[in-house]
Amino acid sequence: MITRRSILSAAATLPLANVVRADNFPNGPFRILVPFGPGSATDQSARNIAEGLNRIFGVPAVVENKPGANGAIAADIAAKAKPDGQTIFVCSNTAAASNVALMKSLPYDPLTDFDPMTIIGRAPVFMIVNPKVEANTAQEFVALAKRQPGKINFGSGSASTRISGELLKAKTGIDMVHVPYKSTPLALTDTMSGHVQMCFADPVTSLPQVKAGTVRCLGVGSRGRYKLTPDIPTLIEQGIPDFELMTWTGVLMPKGVPQPAFAKLRDAVVKTITEPAYVERQAQGGSEITPTTPEEMRQIQIAEIQLYRDMMKIAGIEPE
């Protein structure tokens, strides 16, 4: 027989049950979804987080690379995952924001299907060319492209690198052929081999190759000289007006993760990415570590969606 006392007794145990579940978090391995292939800046960040979570919580953290569709494949899987804090989406600004502007329809919504956790790192795009390209500056590259309309190919592996190439075309009046790739490392590899002559890339992916001499960097897409590469001139100072575009990596969680688990996981992620050894390692690769609050990350997402809509109008690109 159900009595008032039994109902009150059952209700009184609910908060305690929730506390127990939070105290026991995590209760299994972490699944970290990445929208690009191995070797990308996003992948490197995810693997560092996996190492940190394994160390802090003592449970496995497995990185799963799901490249394709500008990150939409991985994002869709992450959006549909159980919101128990065990599935983590480590993504770039492509899947977290700019896809909304770039694509007519998405199987997920980065603003309503996810809760933002933190930005991990930020860096400007770098203009990269094959060493055999007869240009040592951005101006020389533009002049070369104008002499050979439609003969130069540029590769891209993300929304930021695609828009970068299209903006360069729009702002300089050159004609280049776009070649899409599933990830920036693949575009960079084909730039090294000469299958495409140019690409834009993040510094984490491209600077080691620049230092090795397998590619050449002609400029940086930041307003002022990037503090981690002060010897490389910006594209703006080389006469390409208002060419400023940043890439960033962040963590999104499936919507609805219980707040105690969310907070515990966020503390562990922020602790991992702010460890001095990791910060120094990322700085050497050209990426600044910039953790944010969830609220700050959400505002960055919203601003980026509008930024890409504006840039697409400038570049004359229609959503695909």
C-alpha atoms as a PDB file:
ATOM      1  CA  MET A   1       0.000   0.000   0.000  1.00  0.00           C
ATOM      2  CA  ILE A   2       1.326   3.423  -0.990  1.00  0.00           C
ATOM      3  CA  THR A   3       1.132   5.894   1.883  1.00  0.00           C
ATOM      4  CA  ARG A   4       2.058   9.545   2.300  1.00  0.00           C
ATOM      5  CA  ARG A   5       4.976   8.463   4.479  1.00  0.00           C
ATOM      6  CA  SER A   6       6.351   6.096   1.787  1.00  0.00           C
ATOM      7  CA  ILE A   7       6.121   8.829  -0.874  1.00  0.00           C
ATOM      8  CA  LEU A   8       7.961  11.337   1.320  1.00  0.00           C
ATOM      9  CA  SER A   9      10.546   8.709   2.216  1.00  0.00           C
ATOM     10  CA  ALA A  10      11.206   7.915  -1.436  1.00  0.00           C
ATOM     11  CA  ALA A  11      11.453  11.613  -2.356  1.00  0.00           C
ATOM     12  CA  ALA A  12      13.925  12.224   0.442  1.00  0.00           C
ATOM     13  CA  THR A  13      16.343   9.680  -1.029  1.00  0.00           C
ATOM     14  CA  LEU A  14      16.485  11.285  -4.508  1.00  0.00           C
ATOM     15  CA  PRO A  15      18.986  14.078  -3.737  1.00  0.00           C
ATOM     16  CA  LEU A  16      21.242  11.579  -1.987  1.00  0.00           C
ATOM     17  CA  ALA A  17      21.154   9.297  -5.029  1.00  0.00           C
ATOM     18  CA  ASN A  18      22.191  12.180  -7.254  1.00  0.00           C
ATOM     19  CA  VAL A  19      25.060  13.042  -4.926  1.00  0.00           C
ATOM     20  CA  VAL A  20      26.271   9.464  -4.992  1.00  0.00           C
ATOM     21  CA  ARG A  21      26.280   9.406  -8.791  1.00  0.00           C
ATOM     22  CA  ALA A  22      28.231  12.676  -8.922  1.00  0.00           C
ATOM     23  CA  ASP A  23      30.724  11.433  -6.319  1.00  0.00           C
ATOM     24  CA  ASN A  24      31.258   8.273  -8.361  1.00  0.00           C
ATOM     25  CA  PHE A  25      31.932  10.181 -11.602  1.00  0.00           C
ATOM     26  CA  PRO A  26      33.425   8.945 -13.827  1.00  0.00           C
ATOM     27  CA  ASN A  27      32.042   5.424 -13.690  1.00  0.00           C
ATOM     28  CA  GLY A  28      33.689   4.163 -16.871  1.00  0.00           C
ATOM     29  CA  PRO A  29      36.053   5.090 -19.706  1.00  0.00           C
ATOM     30  CA  PHE A  30      35.884   8.442 -21.491  1.00  0.00           C
ATOM     31  CA  ARG A  31      35.124   8.593 -25.198  1.00  0.00           C
ATOM     32  CA  ILE A  32      36.715  11.627 -26.862  1.00  0.00           C
ATOM     33  CA  LEU A  33      35.354  12.367 -30.332  1.00  0.00           C
ATOM     34  CA  VAL A  34      37.498  14.390 -32.767  1.00  0.00           C
ATOM     35  CA  PRO A  35      36.180  15.708 -36.116  1.00  0.00           C
ATOM     36  CA  PHE A  36      39.548  15.578 -37.897  1.00  0.00           C
ATOM     37  CA  GLY A  37      42.190  12.960 -38.585  1.00  0.00           C
ATOM     38  CA  PRO A  38      45.292  12.103 -36.545  1.00  0.00           C
ATOM     39  CA  GLY A  39      47.995  14.758 -36.485  1.00  0.00           C
ATOM     40  CA  SER A  40      45.676  17.755 -36.677  1.00  0.00           C
ATOM     41  CA  ALA A  41      45.854  20.463 -34.016  1.00  0.00           C
ATOM     42  CA  THR A  42      42.464  19.335 -32.708  1.00  0.00           C
ATOM     43  CA  ASP A  43      43.633  15.723 -32.520  1.00  0.00           C
ATOM     44  CA  GLN A  44      46.794  16.710 -30.635  1.00  0.00           C
ATOM     45  CA  SER A  45      44.739  18.670 -28.105  1.00  0.00           C
ATOM     46  CA  ALA A  46      42.338  15.746 -27.659  1.00  0.00           C
ATOM     47  CA  ARG A  47      45.156  13.319 -26.994  1.00  0.00           C
ATOM     48  CA  ASN A  48      46.638  15.610 -24.386  1.00  0.00           C
ATOM     49  CA  ILE A  49      43.258  15.836 -22.664  1.00  0.00           C
ATOM     50  CA  ALA A  50      42.921  12.051 -22.830  1.00  0.00           C
ATOM     51  CA  GLU A  51      46.286  11.663 -21.124  1.00  0.00           C
ATOM     52  CA  GLY A  52      45.308  14.157 -18.422  1.00  0.00           C
ATOM     53  CA  LEU A  53      41.933  12.569 -17.703  1.00  0.00           C
ATOM     54  CA  ASN A  54      43.523   9.138 -17.476  1.00  0.00           C
ATOM     55  CA  ARG A  55      46.060  10.480 -15.014  1.00  0.00           C
ATOM     56  CA  ILE A  56      43.540  12.429 -12.897  1.00  0.00           C
ATOM     57  CA  PHE A  57      40.683   9.926 -12.804  1.00  0.00           C
ATOM     58  CA  GLY A  58      42.519   6.648 -13.349  1.00  0.00           C
ATOM     59  CA  VAL A  59      40.169   5.490 -16.126  1.00  0.00           C
ATOM     60  CA  PRO A  60      40.871   5.009 -19.862  1.00  0.00           C
ATOM     61  CA  ALA A  61      40.204   7.928 -22.212  1.00  0.00           C
ATOM     62  CA  VAL A  62      39.954   6.798 -25.830  1.00  0.00           C
ATOM     63  CA  VAL A  63      40.260   9.242 -28.748  1.00  0.00           C
ATOM     64  CA  GLU A  64      38.071   8.440 -31.762  1.00  0.00           C
ATOM     65  CA  ASN A  65      38.817  10.299 -35.020  1.00  0.00           C
ATOM     66  CA  LYS A  66      35.688  10.775 -37.152  1.00  0.00           C
ATOM     67  CA  PRO A  67      36.728  13.063 -40.027  1.00  0.00           C
ATOM     68  CA  GLY A  68      34.470  14.193 -42.820  1.00  0.00           C
ATOM     69  CA  ALA A  69      31.729  16.677 -43.746  1.00  0.00           C
ATOM     70  CA  ASN A  70      33.578  19.624 -42.182  1.00  0.00           C
ATOM     71  CA  GLY A  71      33.342  17.971 -38.769  1.00  0.00           C
ATOM     72  CA  ALA A  72      29.596  17.333 -38.992  1.00  0.00           C
ATOM     73  CA  ILE A  73      29.968  13.535 -38.792  1.00  0.00           C
ATOM     74  CA  ALA A  74      31.706  13.612 -35.415  1.00  0.00           C
ATOM     75  CA  ALA A  75      29.479  16.420 -34.148  1.00  0.00           C
ATOM     76  CA  ASP A  76      26.330  14.482 -34.976  1.00  0.00           C
ATOM     77  CA  ILE A  77      27.601  11.416 -33.104  1.00  0.00           C
ATOM     78  CA  ALA A  78      28.569  13.540 -30.102  1.00  0.00           C
ATOM     79  CA  ALA A  79      25.244  15.396 -30.079  1.00  0.00           C
ATOM     80  CA  LYS A  80      23.330  12.110 -29.894  1.00  0.00           C
ATOM     81  CA  ALA A  81      25.549  10.612 -27.165  1.00  0.00           C
ATOM     82  CA  LYS A  82      24.200   9.961 -23.684  1.00  0.00           C
ATOM     83  CA  PRO A  83      24.759  13.123 -21.589  1.00  0.00           C
ATOM     84  CA  ASP A  84      26.505  11.353 -18.720  1.00  0.00           C
ATOM     85  CA  GLY A  85      29.838  13.181 -18.974  1.00  0.00           C
ATOM     86  CA  GLN A  86      31.618  10.160 -20.446  1.00  0.00           C
ATOM     87  CA  THR A  87      31.479  11.414 -24.070  1.00  0.00           C
ATOM     88  CA  ILE A  88      33.533  14.517 -24.827  1.00  0.00           C
ATOM     89  CA  PHE A  89      33.639  16.434 -28.114  1.00  0.00           C
ATOM     90  CA  VAL A  90      37.007  18.110 -28.716  1.00  0.00           C
ATOM     91  CA  CYS A  91      36.484  20.223 -31.800  1.00  0.00           C
ATOM     92  CA  SER A  92      37.637  23.209 -33.788  1.00  0.00           C
ATOM     93  CA  ASN A  93      35.656  26.350 -34.505  1.00  0.00           C
ATOM     94  CA  THR A  94      34.496  24.634 -37.720  1.00  0.00           C
ATOM     95  CA  ALA A  95      32.141  22.179 -36.017  1.00  0.00           C
ATOM     96  CA  ALA A  96      31.482  24.389 -32.988  1.00  0.00           C
ATOM     97  CA  ALA A  97      30.371  27.477 -34.910  1.00  0.00           C
ATOM     98  CA  SER A  98      31.246  28.193 -38.523  1.00  0.00           C
ATOM     99  CA  ASN A  99      29.432  25.190 -40.008  1.00  0.00           C
ATOM    100  CA  VAL A 100      26.196  27.012 -39.200  1.00  0.00           C
ATOM    101  CA  ALA A 101      27.153  29.686 -41.728  1.00  0.00           C
ATOM    102  CA  LEU A 102      28.869  27.397 -44.239  1.00  0.00           C
ATOM    103  CA  MET A 103      26.246  24.664 -44.587  1.00  0.00           C
ATOM    104  CA  LYS A 104      22.569  24.922 -45.531  1.00  0.00           C
ATOM    105  CA  SER A 105      21.565  22.106 -43.201  1.00  0.00           C
ATOM    106  CA  LEU A 106      23.290  20.299 -40.364  1.00  0.00           C
ATOM    107  CA  PRO A 107      22.311  17.114 -38.493  1.00  0.00           C
ATOM    108  CA  TYR A 108      23.137  18.951 -35.259  1.00  0.00           C
ATOM    109  CA  ASP A 109      23.002  22.460 -33.785  1.00  0.00           C
ATOM    110  CA  PRO A 110      26.196  23.528 -31.972  1.00  0.00           C
ATOM    111  CA  LEU A 111      24.245  25.992 -29.832  1.00  0.00           C
ATOM    112  CA  THR A 112      21.254  23.878 -28.758  1.00  0.00           C
ATOM    113  CA  ASP A 113      22.629  20.320 -28.856  1.00  0.00           C
ATOM    114  CA  PHE A 114      25.735  21.023 -26.787  1.00  0.00           C
ATOM    115  CA  ASP A 115      26.841  22.736 -23.602  1.00  0.00           C
ATOM    116  CA  PRO A 116      30.127  24.642 -24.058  1.00  0.00           C
ATOM    117  CA  MET A 117      32.891  23.792 -21.584  1.00  0.00           C
ATOM    118  CA  THR A 118      36.008  25.789 -22.500  1.00  0.00           C
ATOM    119  CA  ILE A 119      38.157  27.041 -25.332  1.00  0.00           C
ATOM    120  CA  ILE A 120      41.484  25.191 -25.291  1.00  0.00           C
ATOM    121  CA  GLY A 121      43.738  27.167 -27.610  1.00  0.00           C
ATOM    122  CA  ARG A 122      43.738  29.849 -30.296  1.00  0.00           C
ATOM    123  CA  ALA A 123      46.017  30.726 -33.203  1.00  0.00           C
ATOM    124  CA  PRO A 124      45.863  32.664 -36.472  1.00  0.00           C
ATOM    125  CA  VAL A 125      45.882  30.979 -39.880  1.00  0.00           C
ATOM    126  CA  PHE A 126      49.223  30.781 -41.702  1.00  0.00           C
ATOM    127  CA  MET A 127      49.595  31.126 -45.479  1.00  0.00           C
ATOM    128  CA  ILE A 128      51.686  28.163 -46.638  1.00  0.00           C
ATOM    129  CA  VAL A 129      53.159  27.430 -50.085  1.00  0.00           C
ATOM    130  CA  ASN A 130      55.181  24.657 -51.668  1.00  0.00           C
ATOM    131  CA  PRO A 131      58.897  25.608 -51.681  1.00  0.00           C
ATOM    132  CA  LYS A 132      58.981  25.459 -55.485  1.00  0.00           C
ATOM    133  CA  VAL A 133      56.404  28.232 -55.775  1.00  0.00           C
ATOM    134  CA  GLU A 134      58.238  31.299 -57.041  1.00  0.00           C
ATOM    135  CA  ALA A 135      57.097  33.648 -54.285  1.00  0.00           C
ATOM    136  CA  ASN A 136      58.730  34.638 -51.010  1.00  0.00           C
ATOM    137  CA  THR A 137      56.076  37.145 -49.928  1.00  0.00           C
ATOM    138  CA  ALA A 138      52.305  37.382 -50.113  1.00  0.00           C
ATOM    139  CA  GLN A 139      52.592  40.187 -52.686  1.00  0.00           C
ATOM    140  CA  GLU A 140      54.788  38.034 -54.908  1.00  0.00           C
ATOM    141  CA  PHE A 141      52.304  35.164 -54.634  1.00  0.00           C
ATOM    142  CA  VAL A 142      49.417  37.437 -55.637  1.00  0.00           C
ATOM    143  CA  ALA A 143      51.406  38.705 -58.628  1.00  0.00           C
ATOM    144  CA  LEU A 144      52.198  35.107 -59.632  1.00  0.00           C
ATOM    145  CA  ALA A 145      48.554  34.074 -59.362  1.00  0.00           C
ATOM    146  CA  LYS A 146      47.461  37.027 -61.479  1.00  0.00           C
ATOM    147  CA  ARG A 147      49.875  35.933 -64.208  1.00  0.00           C
ATOM    148  CA  GLN A 148      48.443  32.400 -64.056  1.00  0.00           C
ATOM    149  CA  PRO A 149      44.674  32.717 -63.498  1.00  0.00           C
ATOM    150  CA  GLY A 150      43.048  29.397 -62.622  1.00  0.00           C
ATOM    151  CA  LYS A 151      46.377  27.544 -62.637  1.00  0.00           C
ATOM    152  CA  ILE A 152      47.084  27.592 -58.885  1.00  0.00           C
ATOM    153  CA  ASN A 153      45.303  25.181 -56.526  1.00  0.00           C
ATOM    154  CA  PHE A 154      44.756  25.829 -52.838  1.00  0.00           C
ATOM    155  CA  GLY A 155      43.884  23.097 -50.355  1.00  0.00           C
ATOM    156  CA  SER A 156      41.747  23.349 -47.242  1.00  0.00           C
ATOM    157  CA  GLY A 157      40.898  20.952 -44.427  1.00  0.00           C
ATOM    158  CA  SER A 158      38.552  23.060 -42.307  1.00  0.00           C
ATOM    159  CA  ALA A 159      36.153  25.984 -42.476  1.00  0.00           C
ATOM    160  CA  SER A 160      38.829  28.453 -41.376  1.00  0.00           C
ATOM    161  CA  THR A 161      41.303  27.333 -44.019  1.00  0.00           C
ATOM    162  CA  ARG A 162      38.614  27.270 -46.744  1.00  0.00           C
ATOM    163  CA  ILE A 163      37.386  30.769 -45.917  1.00  0.00           C
ATOM    164  CA  SER A 164      41.009  31.988 -45.732  1.00  0.00           C
ATOM    165  CA  GLY A 165      41.650  30.956 -49.319  1.00  0.00           C
ATOM    166  CA  GLU A 166      38.370  32.381 -50.554  1.00  0.00           C
ATOM    167  CA  LEU A 167      39.016  35.671 -48.745  1.00  0.00           C
ATOM    168  CA  LEU A 168      42.467  35.901 -50.320  1.00  0.00           C
ATOM    169  CA  LYS A 169      40.851  35.485 -53.729  1.00  0.00           C
ATOM    170  CA  ALA A 170      38.196  38.089 -52.989  1.00  0.00           C
ATOM    171  CA  LYS A 171      40.532  40.683 -51.505  1.00  0.00           C
ATOM    172  CA  THR A 172      43.237  40.399 -54.175  1.00  0.00           C
ATOM    173  CA  GLY A 173      41.223  39.559 -57.282  1.00  0.00           C
ATOM    174  CA  ILE A 174      43.135  36.347 -58.016  1.00  0.00           C
ATOM    175  CA  ASP A 175      41.643  33.159 -59.440  1.00  0.00           C
ATOM    176  CA  MET A 176      42.578  29.905 -57.660  1.00  0.00           C
ATOM    177  CA  VAL A 177      40.989  26.443 -57.662  1.00  0.00           C
ATOM    178  CA  HIS A 178      39.795  25.101 -54.299  1.00  0.00           C
ATOM    179  CA  VAL A 179      40.690  21.486 -53.405  1.00  0.00           C
ATOM    180  CA  PRO A 180      38.924  20.198 -50.236  1.00  0.00           C
ATOM    181  CA  TYR A 181      40.475  17.719 -47.785  1.00  0.00           C
ATOM    182  CA  LYS A 182      39.141  15.921 -44.719  1.00  0.00           C
ATOM    183  CA  SER A 183      41.745  17.526 -42.451  1.00  0.00           C
ATOM    184  CA  THR A 184      44.393  20.236 -42.488  1.00  0.00           C
ATOM    185  CA  PRO A 185      47.340  17.785 -42.226  1.00  0.00           C
ATOM    186  CA  LEU A 186      46.176  16.147 -45.468  1.00  0.00           C
ATOM    187  CA  ALA A 187      46.019  19.525 -47.221  1.00  0.00           C
ATOM    188  CA  LEU A 188      49.447  20.396 -45.850  1.00  0.00           C
ATOM    189  CA  THR A 189      50.895  17.057 -47.007  1.00  0.00           C
ATOM    190  CA  ASP A 190      49.679  17.677 -50.551  1.00  0.00           C
ATOM    191  CA  THR A 191      51.111  21.196 -50.409  1.00  0.00           C
ATOM    192  CA  MET A 192      54.474  19.705 -49.429  1.00  0.00           C
ATOM    193  CA  SER A 193      54.323  17.254 -52.325  1.00  0.00           C
ATOM    194  CA  GLY A 194      53.169  19.866 -54.829  1.00  0.00           C
ATOM    195  CA  HIS A 195      49.735  18.401 -55.599  1.00  0.00           C
ATOM    196  CA  VAL A 196      48.397  21.795 -54.506  1.00  0.00           C
ATOM    197  CA  GLN A 197      50.538  24.911 -54.493  1.00  0.00           C
ATOM    198  CA  MET A 198      49.134  26.647 -51.436  1.00  0.00           C
ATOM    199  CA  CYS A 199      47.048  26.136 -48.319  1.00  0.00           C
ATOM    200  CA  PHE A 200      46.183  27.919 -45.128  1.00  0.00           C
ATOM    201  CA  ALA A 201      46.915  26.019 -41.920  1.00  0.00           C
ATOM    202  CA  ASP A 202      47.104  26.422 -38.173  1.00  0.00           C
ATOM    203  CA  PRO A 203      50.615  26.830 -36.733  1.00  0.00           C
ATOM    204  CA  VAL A 204      50.457  23.645 -34.647  1.00  0.00           C
ATOM    205  CA  THR A 205      50.174  21.657 -37.868  1.00  0.00           C
ATOM    206  CA  SER A 206      52.322  23.780 -40.177  1.00  0.00           C
ATOM    207  CA  LEU A 207      55.163  25.371 -38.190  1.00  0.00           C
ATOM    208  CA  PRO A 208      57.188  22.155 -37.780  1.00  0.00           C
ATOM    209  CA  GLN A 209      57.184  21.827 -41.576  1.00  0.00           C
ATOM    210  CA  VAL A 210      58.063  25.505 -42.004  1.00  0.00           C
ATOM    211  CA  LYS A 211      61.028  25.050 -39.666  1.00  0.00           C
ATOM    212  CA  ALA A 212      62.058  21.900 -41.558  1.00  0.00           C
ATOM    213  CA  GLY A 213      61.933  23.767 -44.871  1.00  0.00           C
ATOM    214  CA  THR A 214      59.412  21.430 -46.492  1.00  0.00           C
ATOM    215  CA  VAL A 215      56.993  24.368 -46.940  1.00  0.00           C
ATOM    216  CA  ARG A 216      57.289  28.149 -46.856  1.00  0.00           C
ATOM    217  CA  CYS A 217      55.136  30.525 -44.793  1.00  0.00           C
ATOM    218  CA  LEU A 218      54.286  33.778 -46.590  1.00  0.00           C
ATOM    219  CA  GLY A 219      52.256  35.472 -43.880  1.00  0.00           C
ATOM    220  CA  VAL A 220      50.045  35.325 -40.807  1.00  0.00           C
ATOM    221  CA  GLY A 221      46.328  36.108 -40.654  1.00  0.00           C
ATOM    222  CA  SER A 222      46.396  38.231 -37.505  1.00  0.00           C
ATOM    223  CA  ARG A 223      45.835  41.950 -36.912  1.00  0.00           C
ATOM    224  CA  GLY A 224      49.316  42.489 -35.487  1.00  0.00           C
ATOM    225  CA  ARG A 225      52.319  40.205 -35.538  1.00  0.00           C
ATOM    226  CA  TYR A 226      51.555  37.003 -33.678  1.00  0.00           C
ATOM    227  CA  LYS A 227      53.545  37.034 -30.449  1.00  0.00           C
ATOM    228  CA  LEU A 228      54.659  33.418 -30.849  1.00  0.00           C
ATOM    229  CA  THR A 229      56.046  34.057 -34.377  1.00  0.00           C
ATOM    230  CA  PRO A 230      57.110  37.735 -34.347  1.00  0.00           C
ATOM    231  CA  ASP A 231      59.491  37.260 -37.297  1.00  0.00           C
ATOM    232  CA  ILE A 232      56.688  36.342 -39.734  1.00  0.00           C
ATOM    233  CA  PRO A 233      54.890  39.383 -41.251  1.00  0.00           C
ATOM    234  CA  THR A 234      51.116  39.605 -41.262  1.00  0.00           C
ATOM    235  CA  LEU A 235      49.126  39.539 -44.472  1.00  0.00           C
ATOM    236  CA  ILE A 236      47.669  42.917 -43.534  1.00  0.00           C
ATOM    237  CA  GLU A 237      51.071  44.594 -43.417  1.00  0.00           C
ATOM    238  CA  GLN A 238      51.793  43.037 -46.811  1.00  0.00           C
ATOM    239  CA  GLY A 239      48.916  44.945 -48.349  1.00  0.00           C
ATOM    240  CA  ILE A 240      45.971  42.525 -47.999  1.00  0.00           C
ATOM    241  CA  PRO A 241      43.418  44.624 -46.098  1.00  0.00           C
ATOM    242  CA  ASP A 242      41.663  43.388 -42.951  1.00  0.00           C
ATOM    243  CA  PHE A 243      42.865  39.811 -43.379  1.00  0.00           C
ATOM    244  CA  GLU A 244      42.376  38.562 -39.836  1.00  0.00           C
ATOM    245  CA  LEU A 245      41.216  35.027 -39.113  1.00  0.00           C
ATOM    246  CA  MET A 246      41.803  32.909 -36.024  1.00  0.00           C
ATOM    247  CA  THR A 247      41.396  29.192 -35.503  1.00  0.00           C
ATOM    248  CA  TRP A 248      40.486  27.738 -32.133  1.00  0.00           C
ATOM    249  CA  THR A 249      39.918  24.439 -30.421  1.00  0.00           C
ATOM    250  CA  GLY A 250      37.400  23.817 -27.662  1.00  0.00           C
ATOM    251  CA  VAL A 251      35.409  21.275 -25.699  1.00  0.00           C
ATOM    252  CA  LEU A 252      31.665  20.744 -26.108  1.00  0.00           C
ATOM    253  CA  MET A 253      29.532  18.330 -24.103  1.00  0.00           C
ATOM    254  CA  PRO A 254      26.245  16.702 -25.148  1.00  0.00           C
ATOM    255  CA  LYS A 255      23.410  18.855 -23.802  1.00  0.00           C
ATOM    256  CA  GLY A 256      22.247  17.957 -20.320  1.00  0.00           C
ATOM    257  CA  VAL A 257      25.299  16.594 -18.482  1.00  0.00           C
ATOM    258  CA  PRO A 258      24.523  16.866 -14.731  1.00  0.00           C
ATOM    259  CA  GLN A 259      26.196  19.981 -13.330  1.00  0.00           C
ATOM    260  CA  PRO A 260      28.275  18.200 -10.640  1.00  0.00           C
ATOM    261  CA  ALA A 261      29.800  15.873 -13.237  1.00  0.00           C
ATOM    262  CA  PHE A 262      30.216  18.739 -15.723  1.00  0.00           C
ATOM    263  CA  ALA A 263      32.040  20.891 -13.147  1.00  0.00           C
ATOM    264  CA  LYS A 264      34.290  18.024 -12.046  1.00  0.00           C
ATOM    265  CA  LEU A 265      35.223  17.229 -15.636  1.00  0.00           C
ATOM    266  CA  ARG A 266      35.815  20.883 -16.540  1.00  0.00           C
ATOM    267  CA  ASP A 267      38.177  21.299 -13.587  1.00  0.00           C
ATOM    268  CA  ALA A 268      40.170  18.306 -14.828  1.00  0.00           C
ATOM    269  CA  VAL A 269      40.289  19.585 -18.431  1.00  0.00           C
ATOM    270  CA  VAL A 270      41.404  23.085 -17.410  1.00  0.00           C
ATOM    271  CA  LYS A 271      44.021  21.635 -15.062  1.00  0.00           C
ATOM    272  CA  THR A 272      45.366  19.500 -17.911  1.00  0.00           C
ATOM    273  CA  ILE A 273      45.612  22.270 -20.517  1.00  0.00           C
ATOM    274  CA  THR A 274      47.189  24.787 -18.139  1.00  0.00           C
ATOM    275  CA  GLU A 275      50.017  22.550 -16.970  1.00  0.00           C
ATOM    276  CA  PRO A 276      53.269  24.486 -17.686  1.00  0.00           C
ATOM    277  CA  ALA A 277      54.817  21.716 -19.761  1.00  0.00           C
ATOM    278  CA  TYR A 278      51.793  21.567 -22.070  1.00  0.00           C
ATOM    279  CA  VAL A 279      51.519  25.355 -22.352  1.00  0.00           C
ATOM    280  CA  GLU A 280      55.205  25.554 -23.323  1.00  0.00           C
ATOM    281  CA  ARG A 281      54.881  22.697 -25.805  1.00  0.00           C
ATOM    282  CA  GLN A 282      51.900  24.345 -27.464  1.00  0.00           C
ATOM    283  CA  ALA A 283      53.666  27.712 -27.539  1.00  0.00           C
ATOM    284  CA  GLN A 284      56.598  26.142 -29.360  1.00  0.00           C
ATOM    285  CA  GLY A 285      54.081  24.870 -31.912  1.00  0.00           C
ATOM    286  CA  GLY A 286      52.469  28.292 -32.227  1.00  0.00           C
ATOM    287  CA  SER A 287      49.252  27.911 -30.211  1.00  0.00           C
ATOM    288  CA  GLU A 288      48.203  30.022 -27.230  1.00  0.00           C
ATOM    289  CA  ILE A 289      46.350  28.265 -24.401  1.00  0.00           C
ATOM    290  CA  THR A 290      43.250  30.323 -23.605  1.00  0.00           C
ATOM    291  CA  PRO A 291      40.775  28.603 -21.249  1.00  0.00           C
ATOM    292  CA  THR A 292      37.379  30.298 -20.941  1.00  0.00           C
ATOM    293  CA  THR A 293      34.237  29.955 -18.901  1.00  0.00           C
ATOM    294  CA  PRO A 294      31.313  28.130 -20.554  1.00  0.00           C
ATOM    295  CA  GLU A 295      29.542  31.472 -20.918  1.00  0.00           C
ATOM    296  CA  GLU A 296      32.543  33.059 -22.637  1.00  0.00           C
ATOM    297  CA  MET A 297      32.829  30.120 -25.040  1.00  0.00           C
ATOM    298  CA  ARG A 298      29.151  30.405 -25.955  1.00  0.00           C
ATOM    299  CA  GLN A 299      29.582  34.089 -26.782  1.00  0.00           C
ATOM    300  CA  ILE A 300      32.611  33.242 -28.936  1.00  0.00           C
ATOM    301  CA  GLN A 301      30.523  30.664 -30.803  1.00  0.00           C
ATOM    302  CA  ILE A 302      27.731  33.151 -31.493  1.00  0.00           C
ATOM    303  CA  ALA A 303      30.171  35.845 -32.637  1.00  0.00           C
ATOM    304  CA  GLU A 304      31.974  33.392 -34.918  1.00  0.00           C
ATOM    305  CA  ILE A 305      28.774  32.321 -36.662  1.00  0.00           C
ATOM    306  CA  GLN A 306      28.068  35.951 -37.556  1.00  0.00           C
ATOM    307  CA  LEU A 307      31.711  36.534 -38.542  1.00  0.00           C
ATOM    308  CA  TYR A 308      31.618  33.669 -41.033  1.00  0.00           C
ATOM    309  CA  ARG A 309      28.298  34.823 -42.459  1.00  0.00           C
ATOM    310  CA  ASP A 310      29.856  38.236 -43.055  1.00  0.00           C
ATOM    311  CA  MET A 311      33.031  36.760 -44.561  1.00  0.00           C
ATOM    312  CA  MET A 312      31.057  34.517 -46.882  1.00  0.00           C
ATOM    313  CA  LYS A 313      29.276  37.577 -48.255  1.00  0.00           C
ATOM    314  CA  ILE A 314      32.629  39.264 -48.860  1.00  0.00           C
ATOM    315  CA  ALA A 315      34.026  36.144 -50.563  1.00  0.00           C
ATOM    316  CA  GLY A 316      30.838  35.547 -52.522  1.00  0.00           C
ATOM    317  CA  ILE A 317      30.298  32.023 -51.139  1.00  0.00           C
ATOM    318  CA  GLU A 318      26.861  30.449 -50.840  1.00  0.00           C
ATOM    319  CA  PRO A 319      26.158  27.876 -48.087  1.00  0.00           C
ATOM    320  CA  GLU A 320      26.624  24.331 -49.371  1.00  0.00           C
END
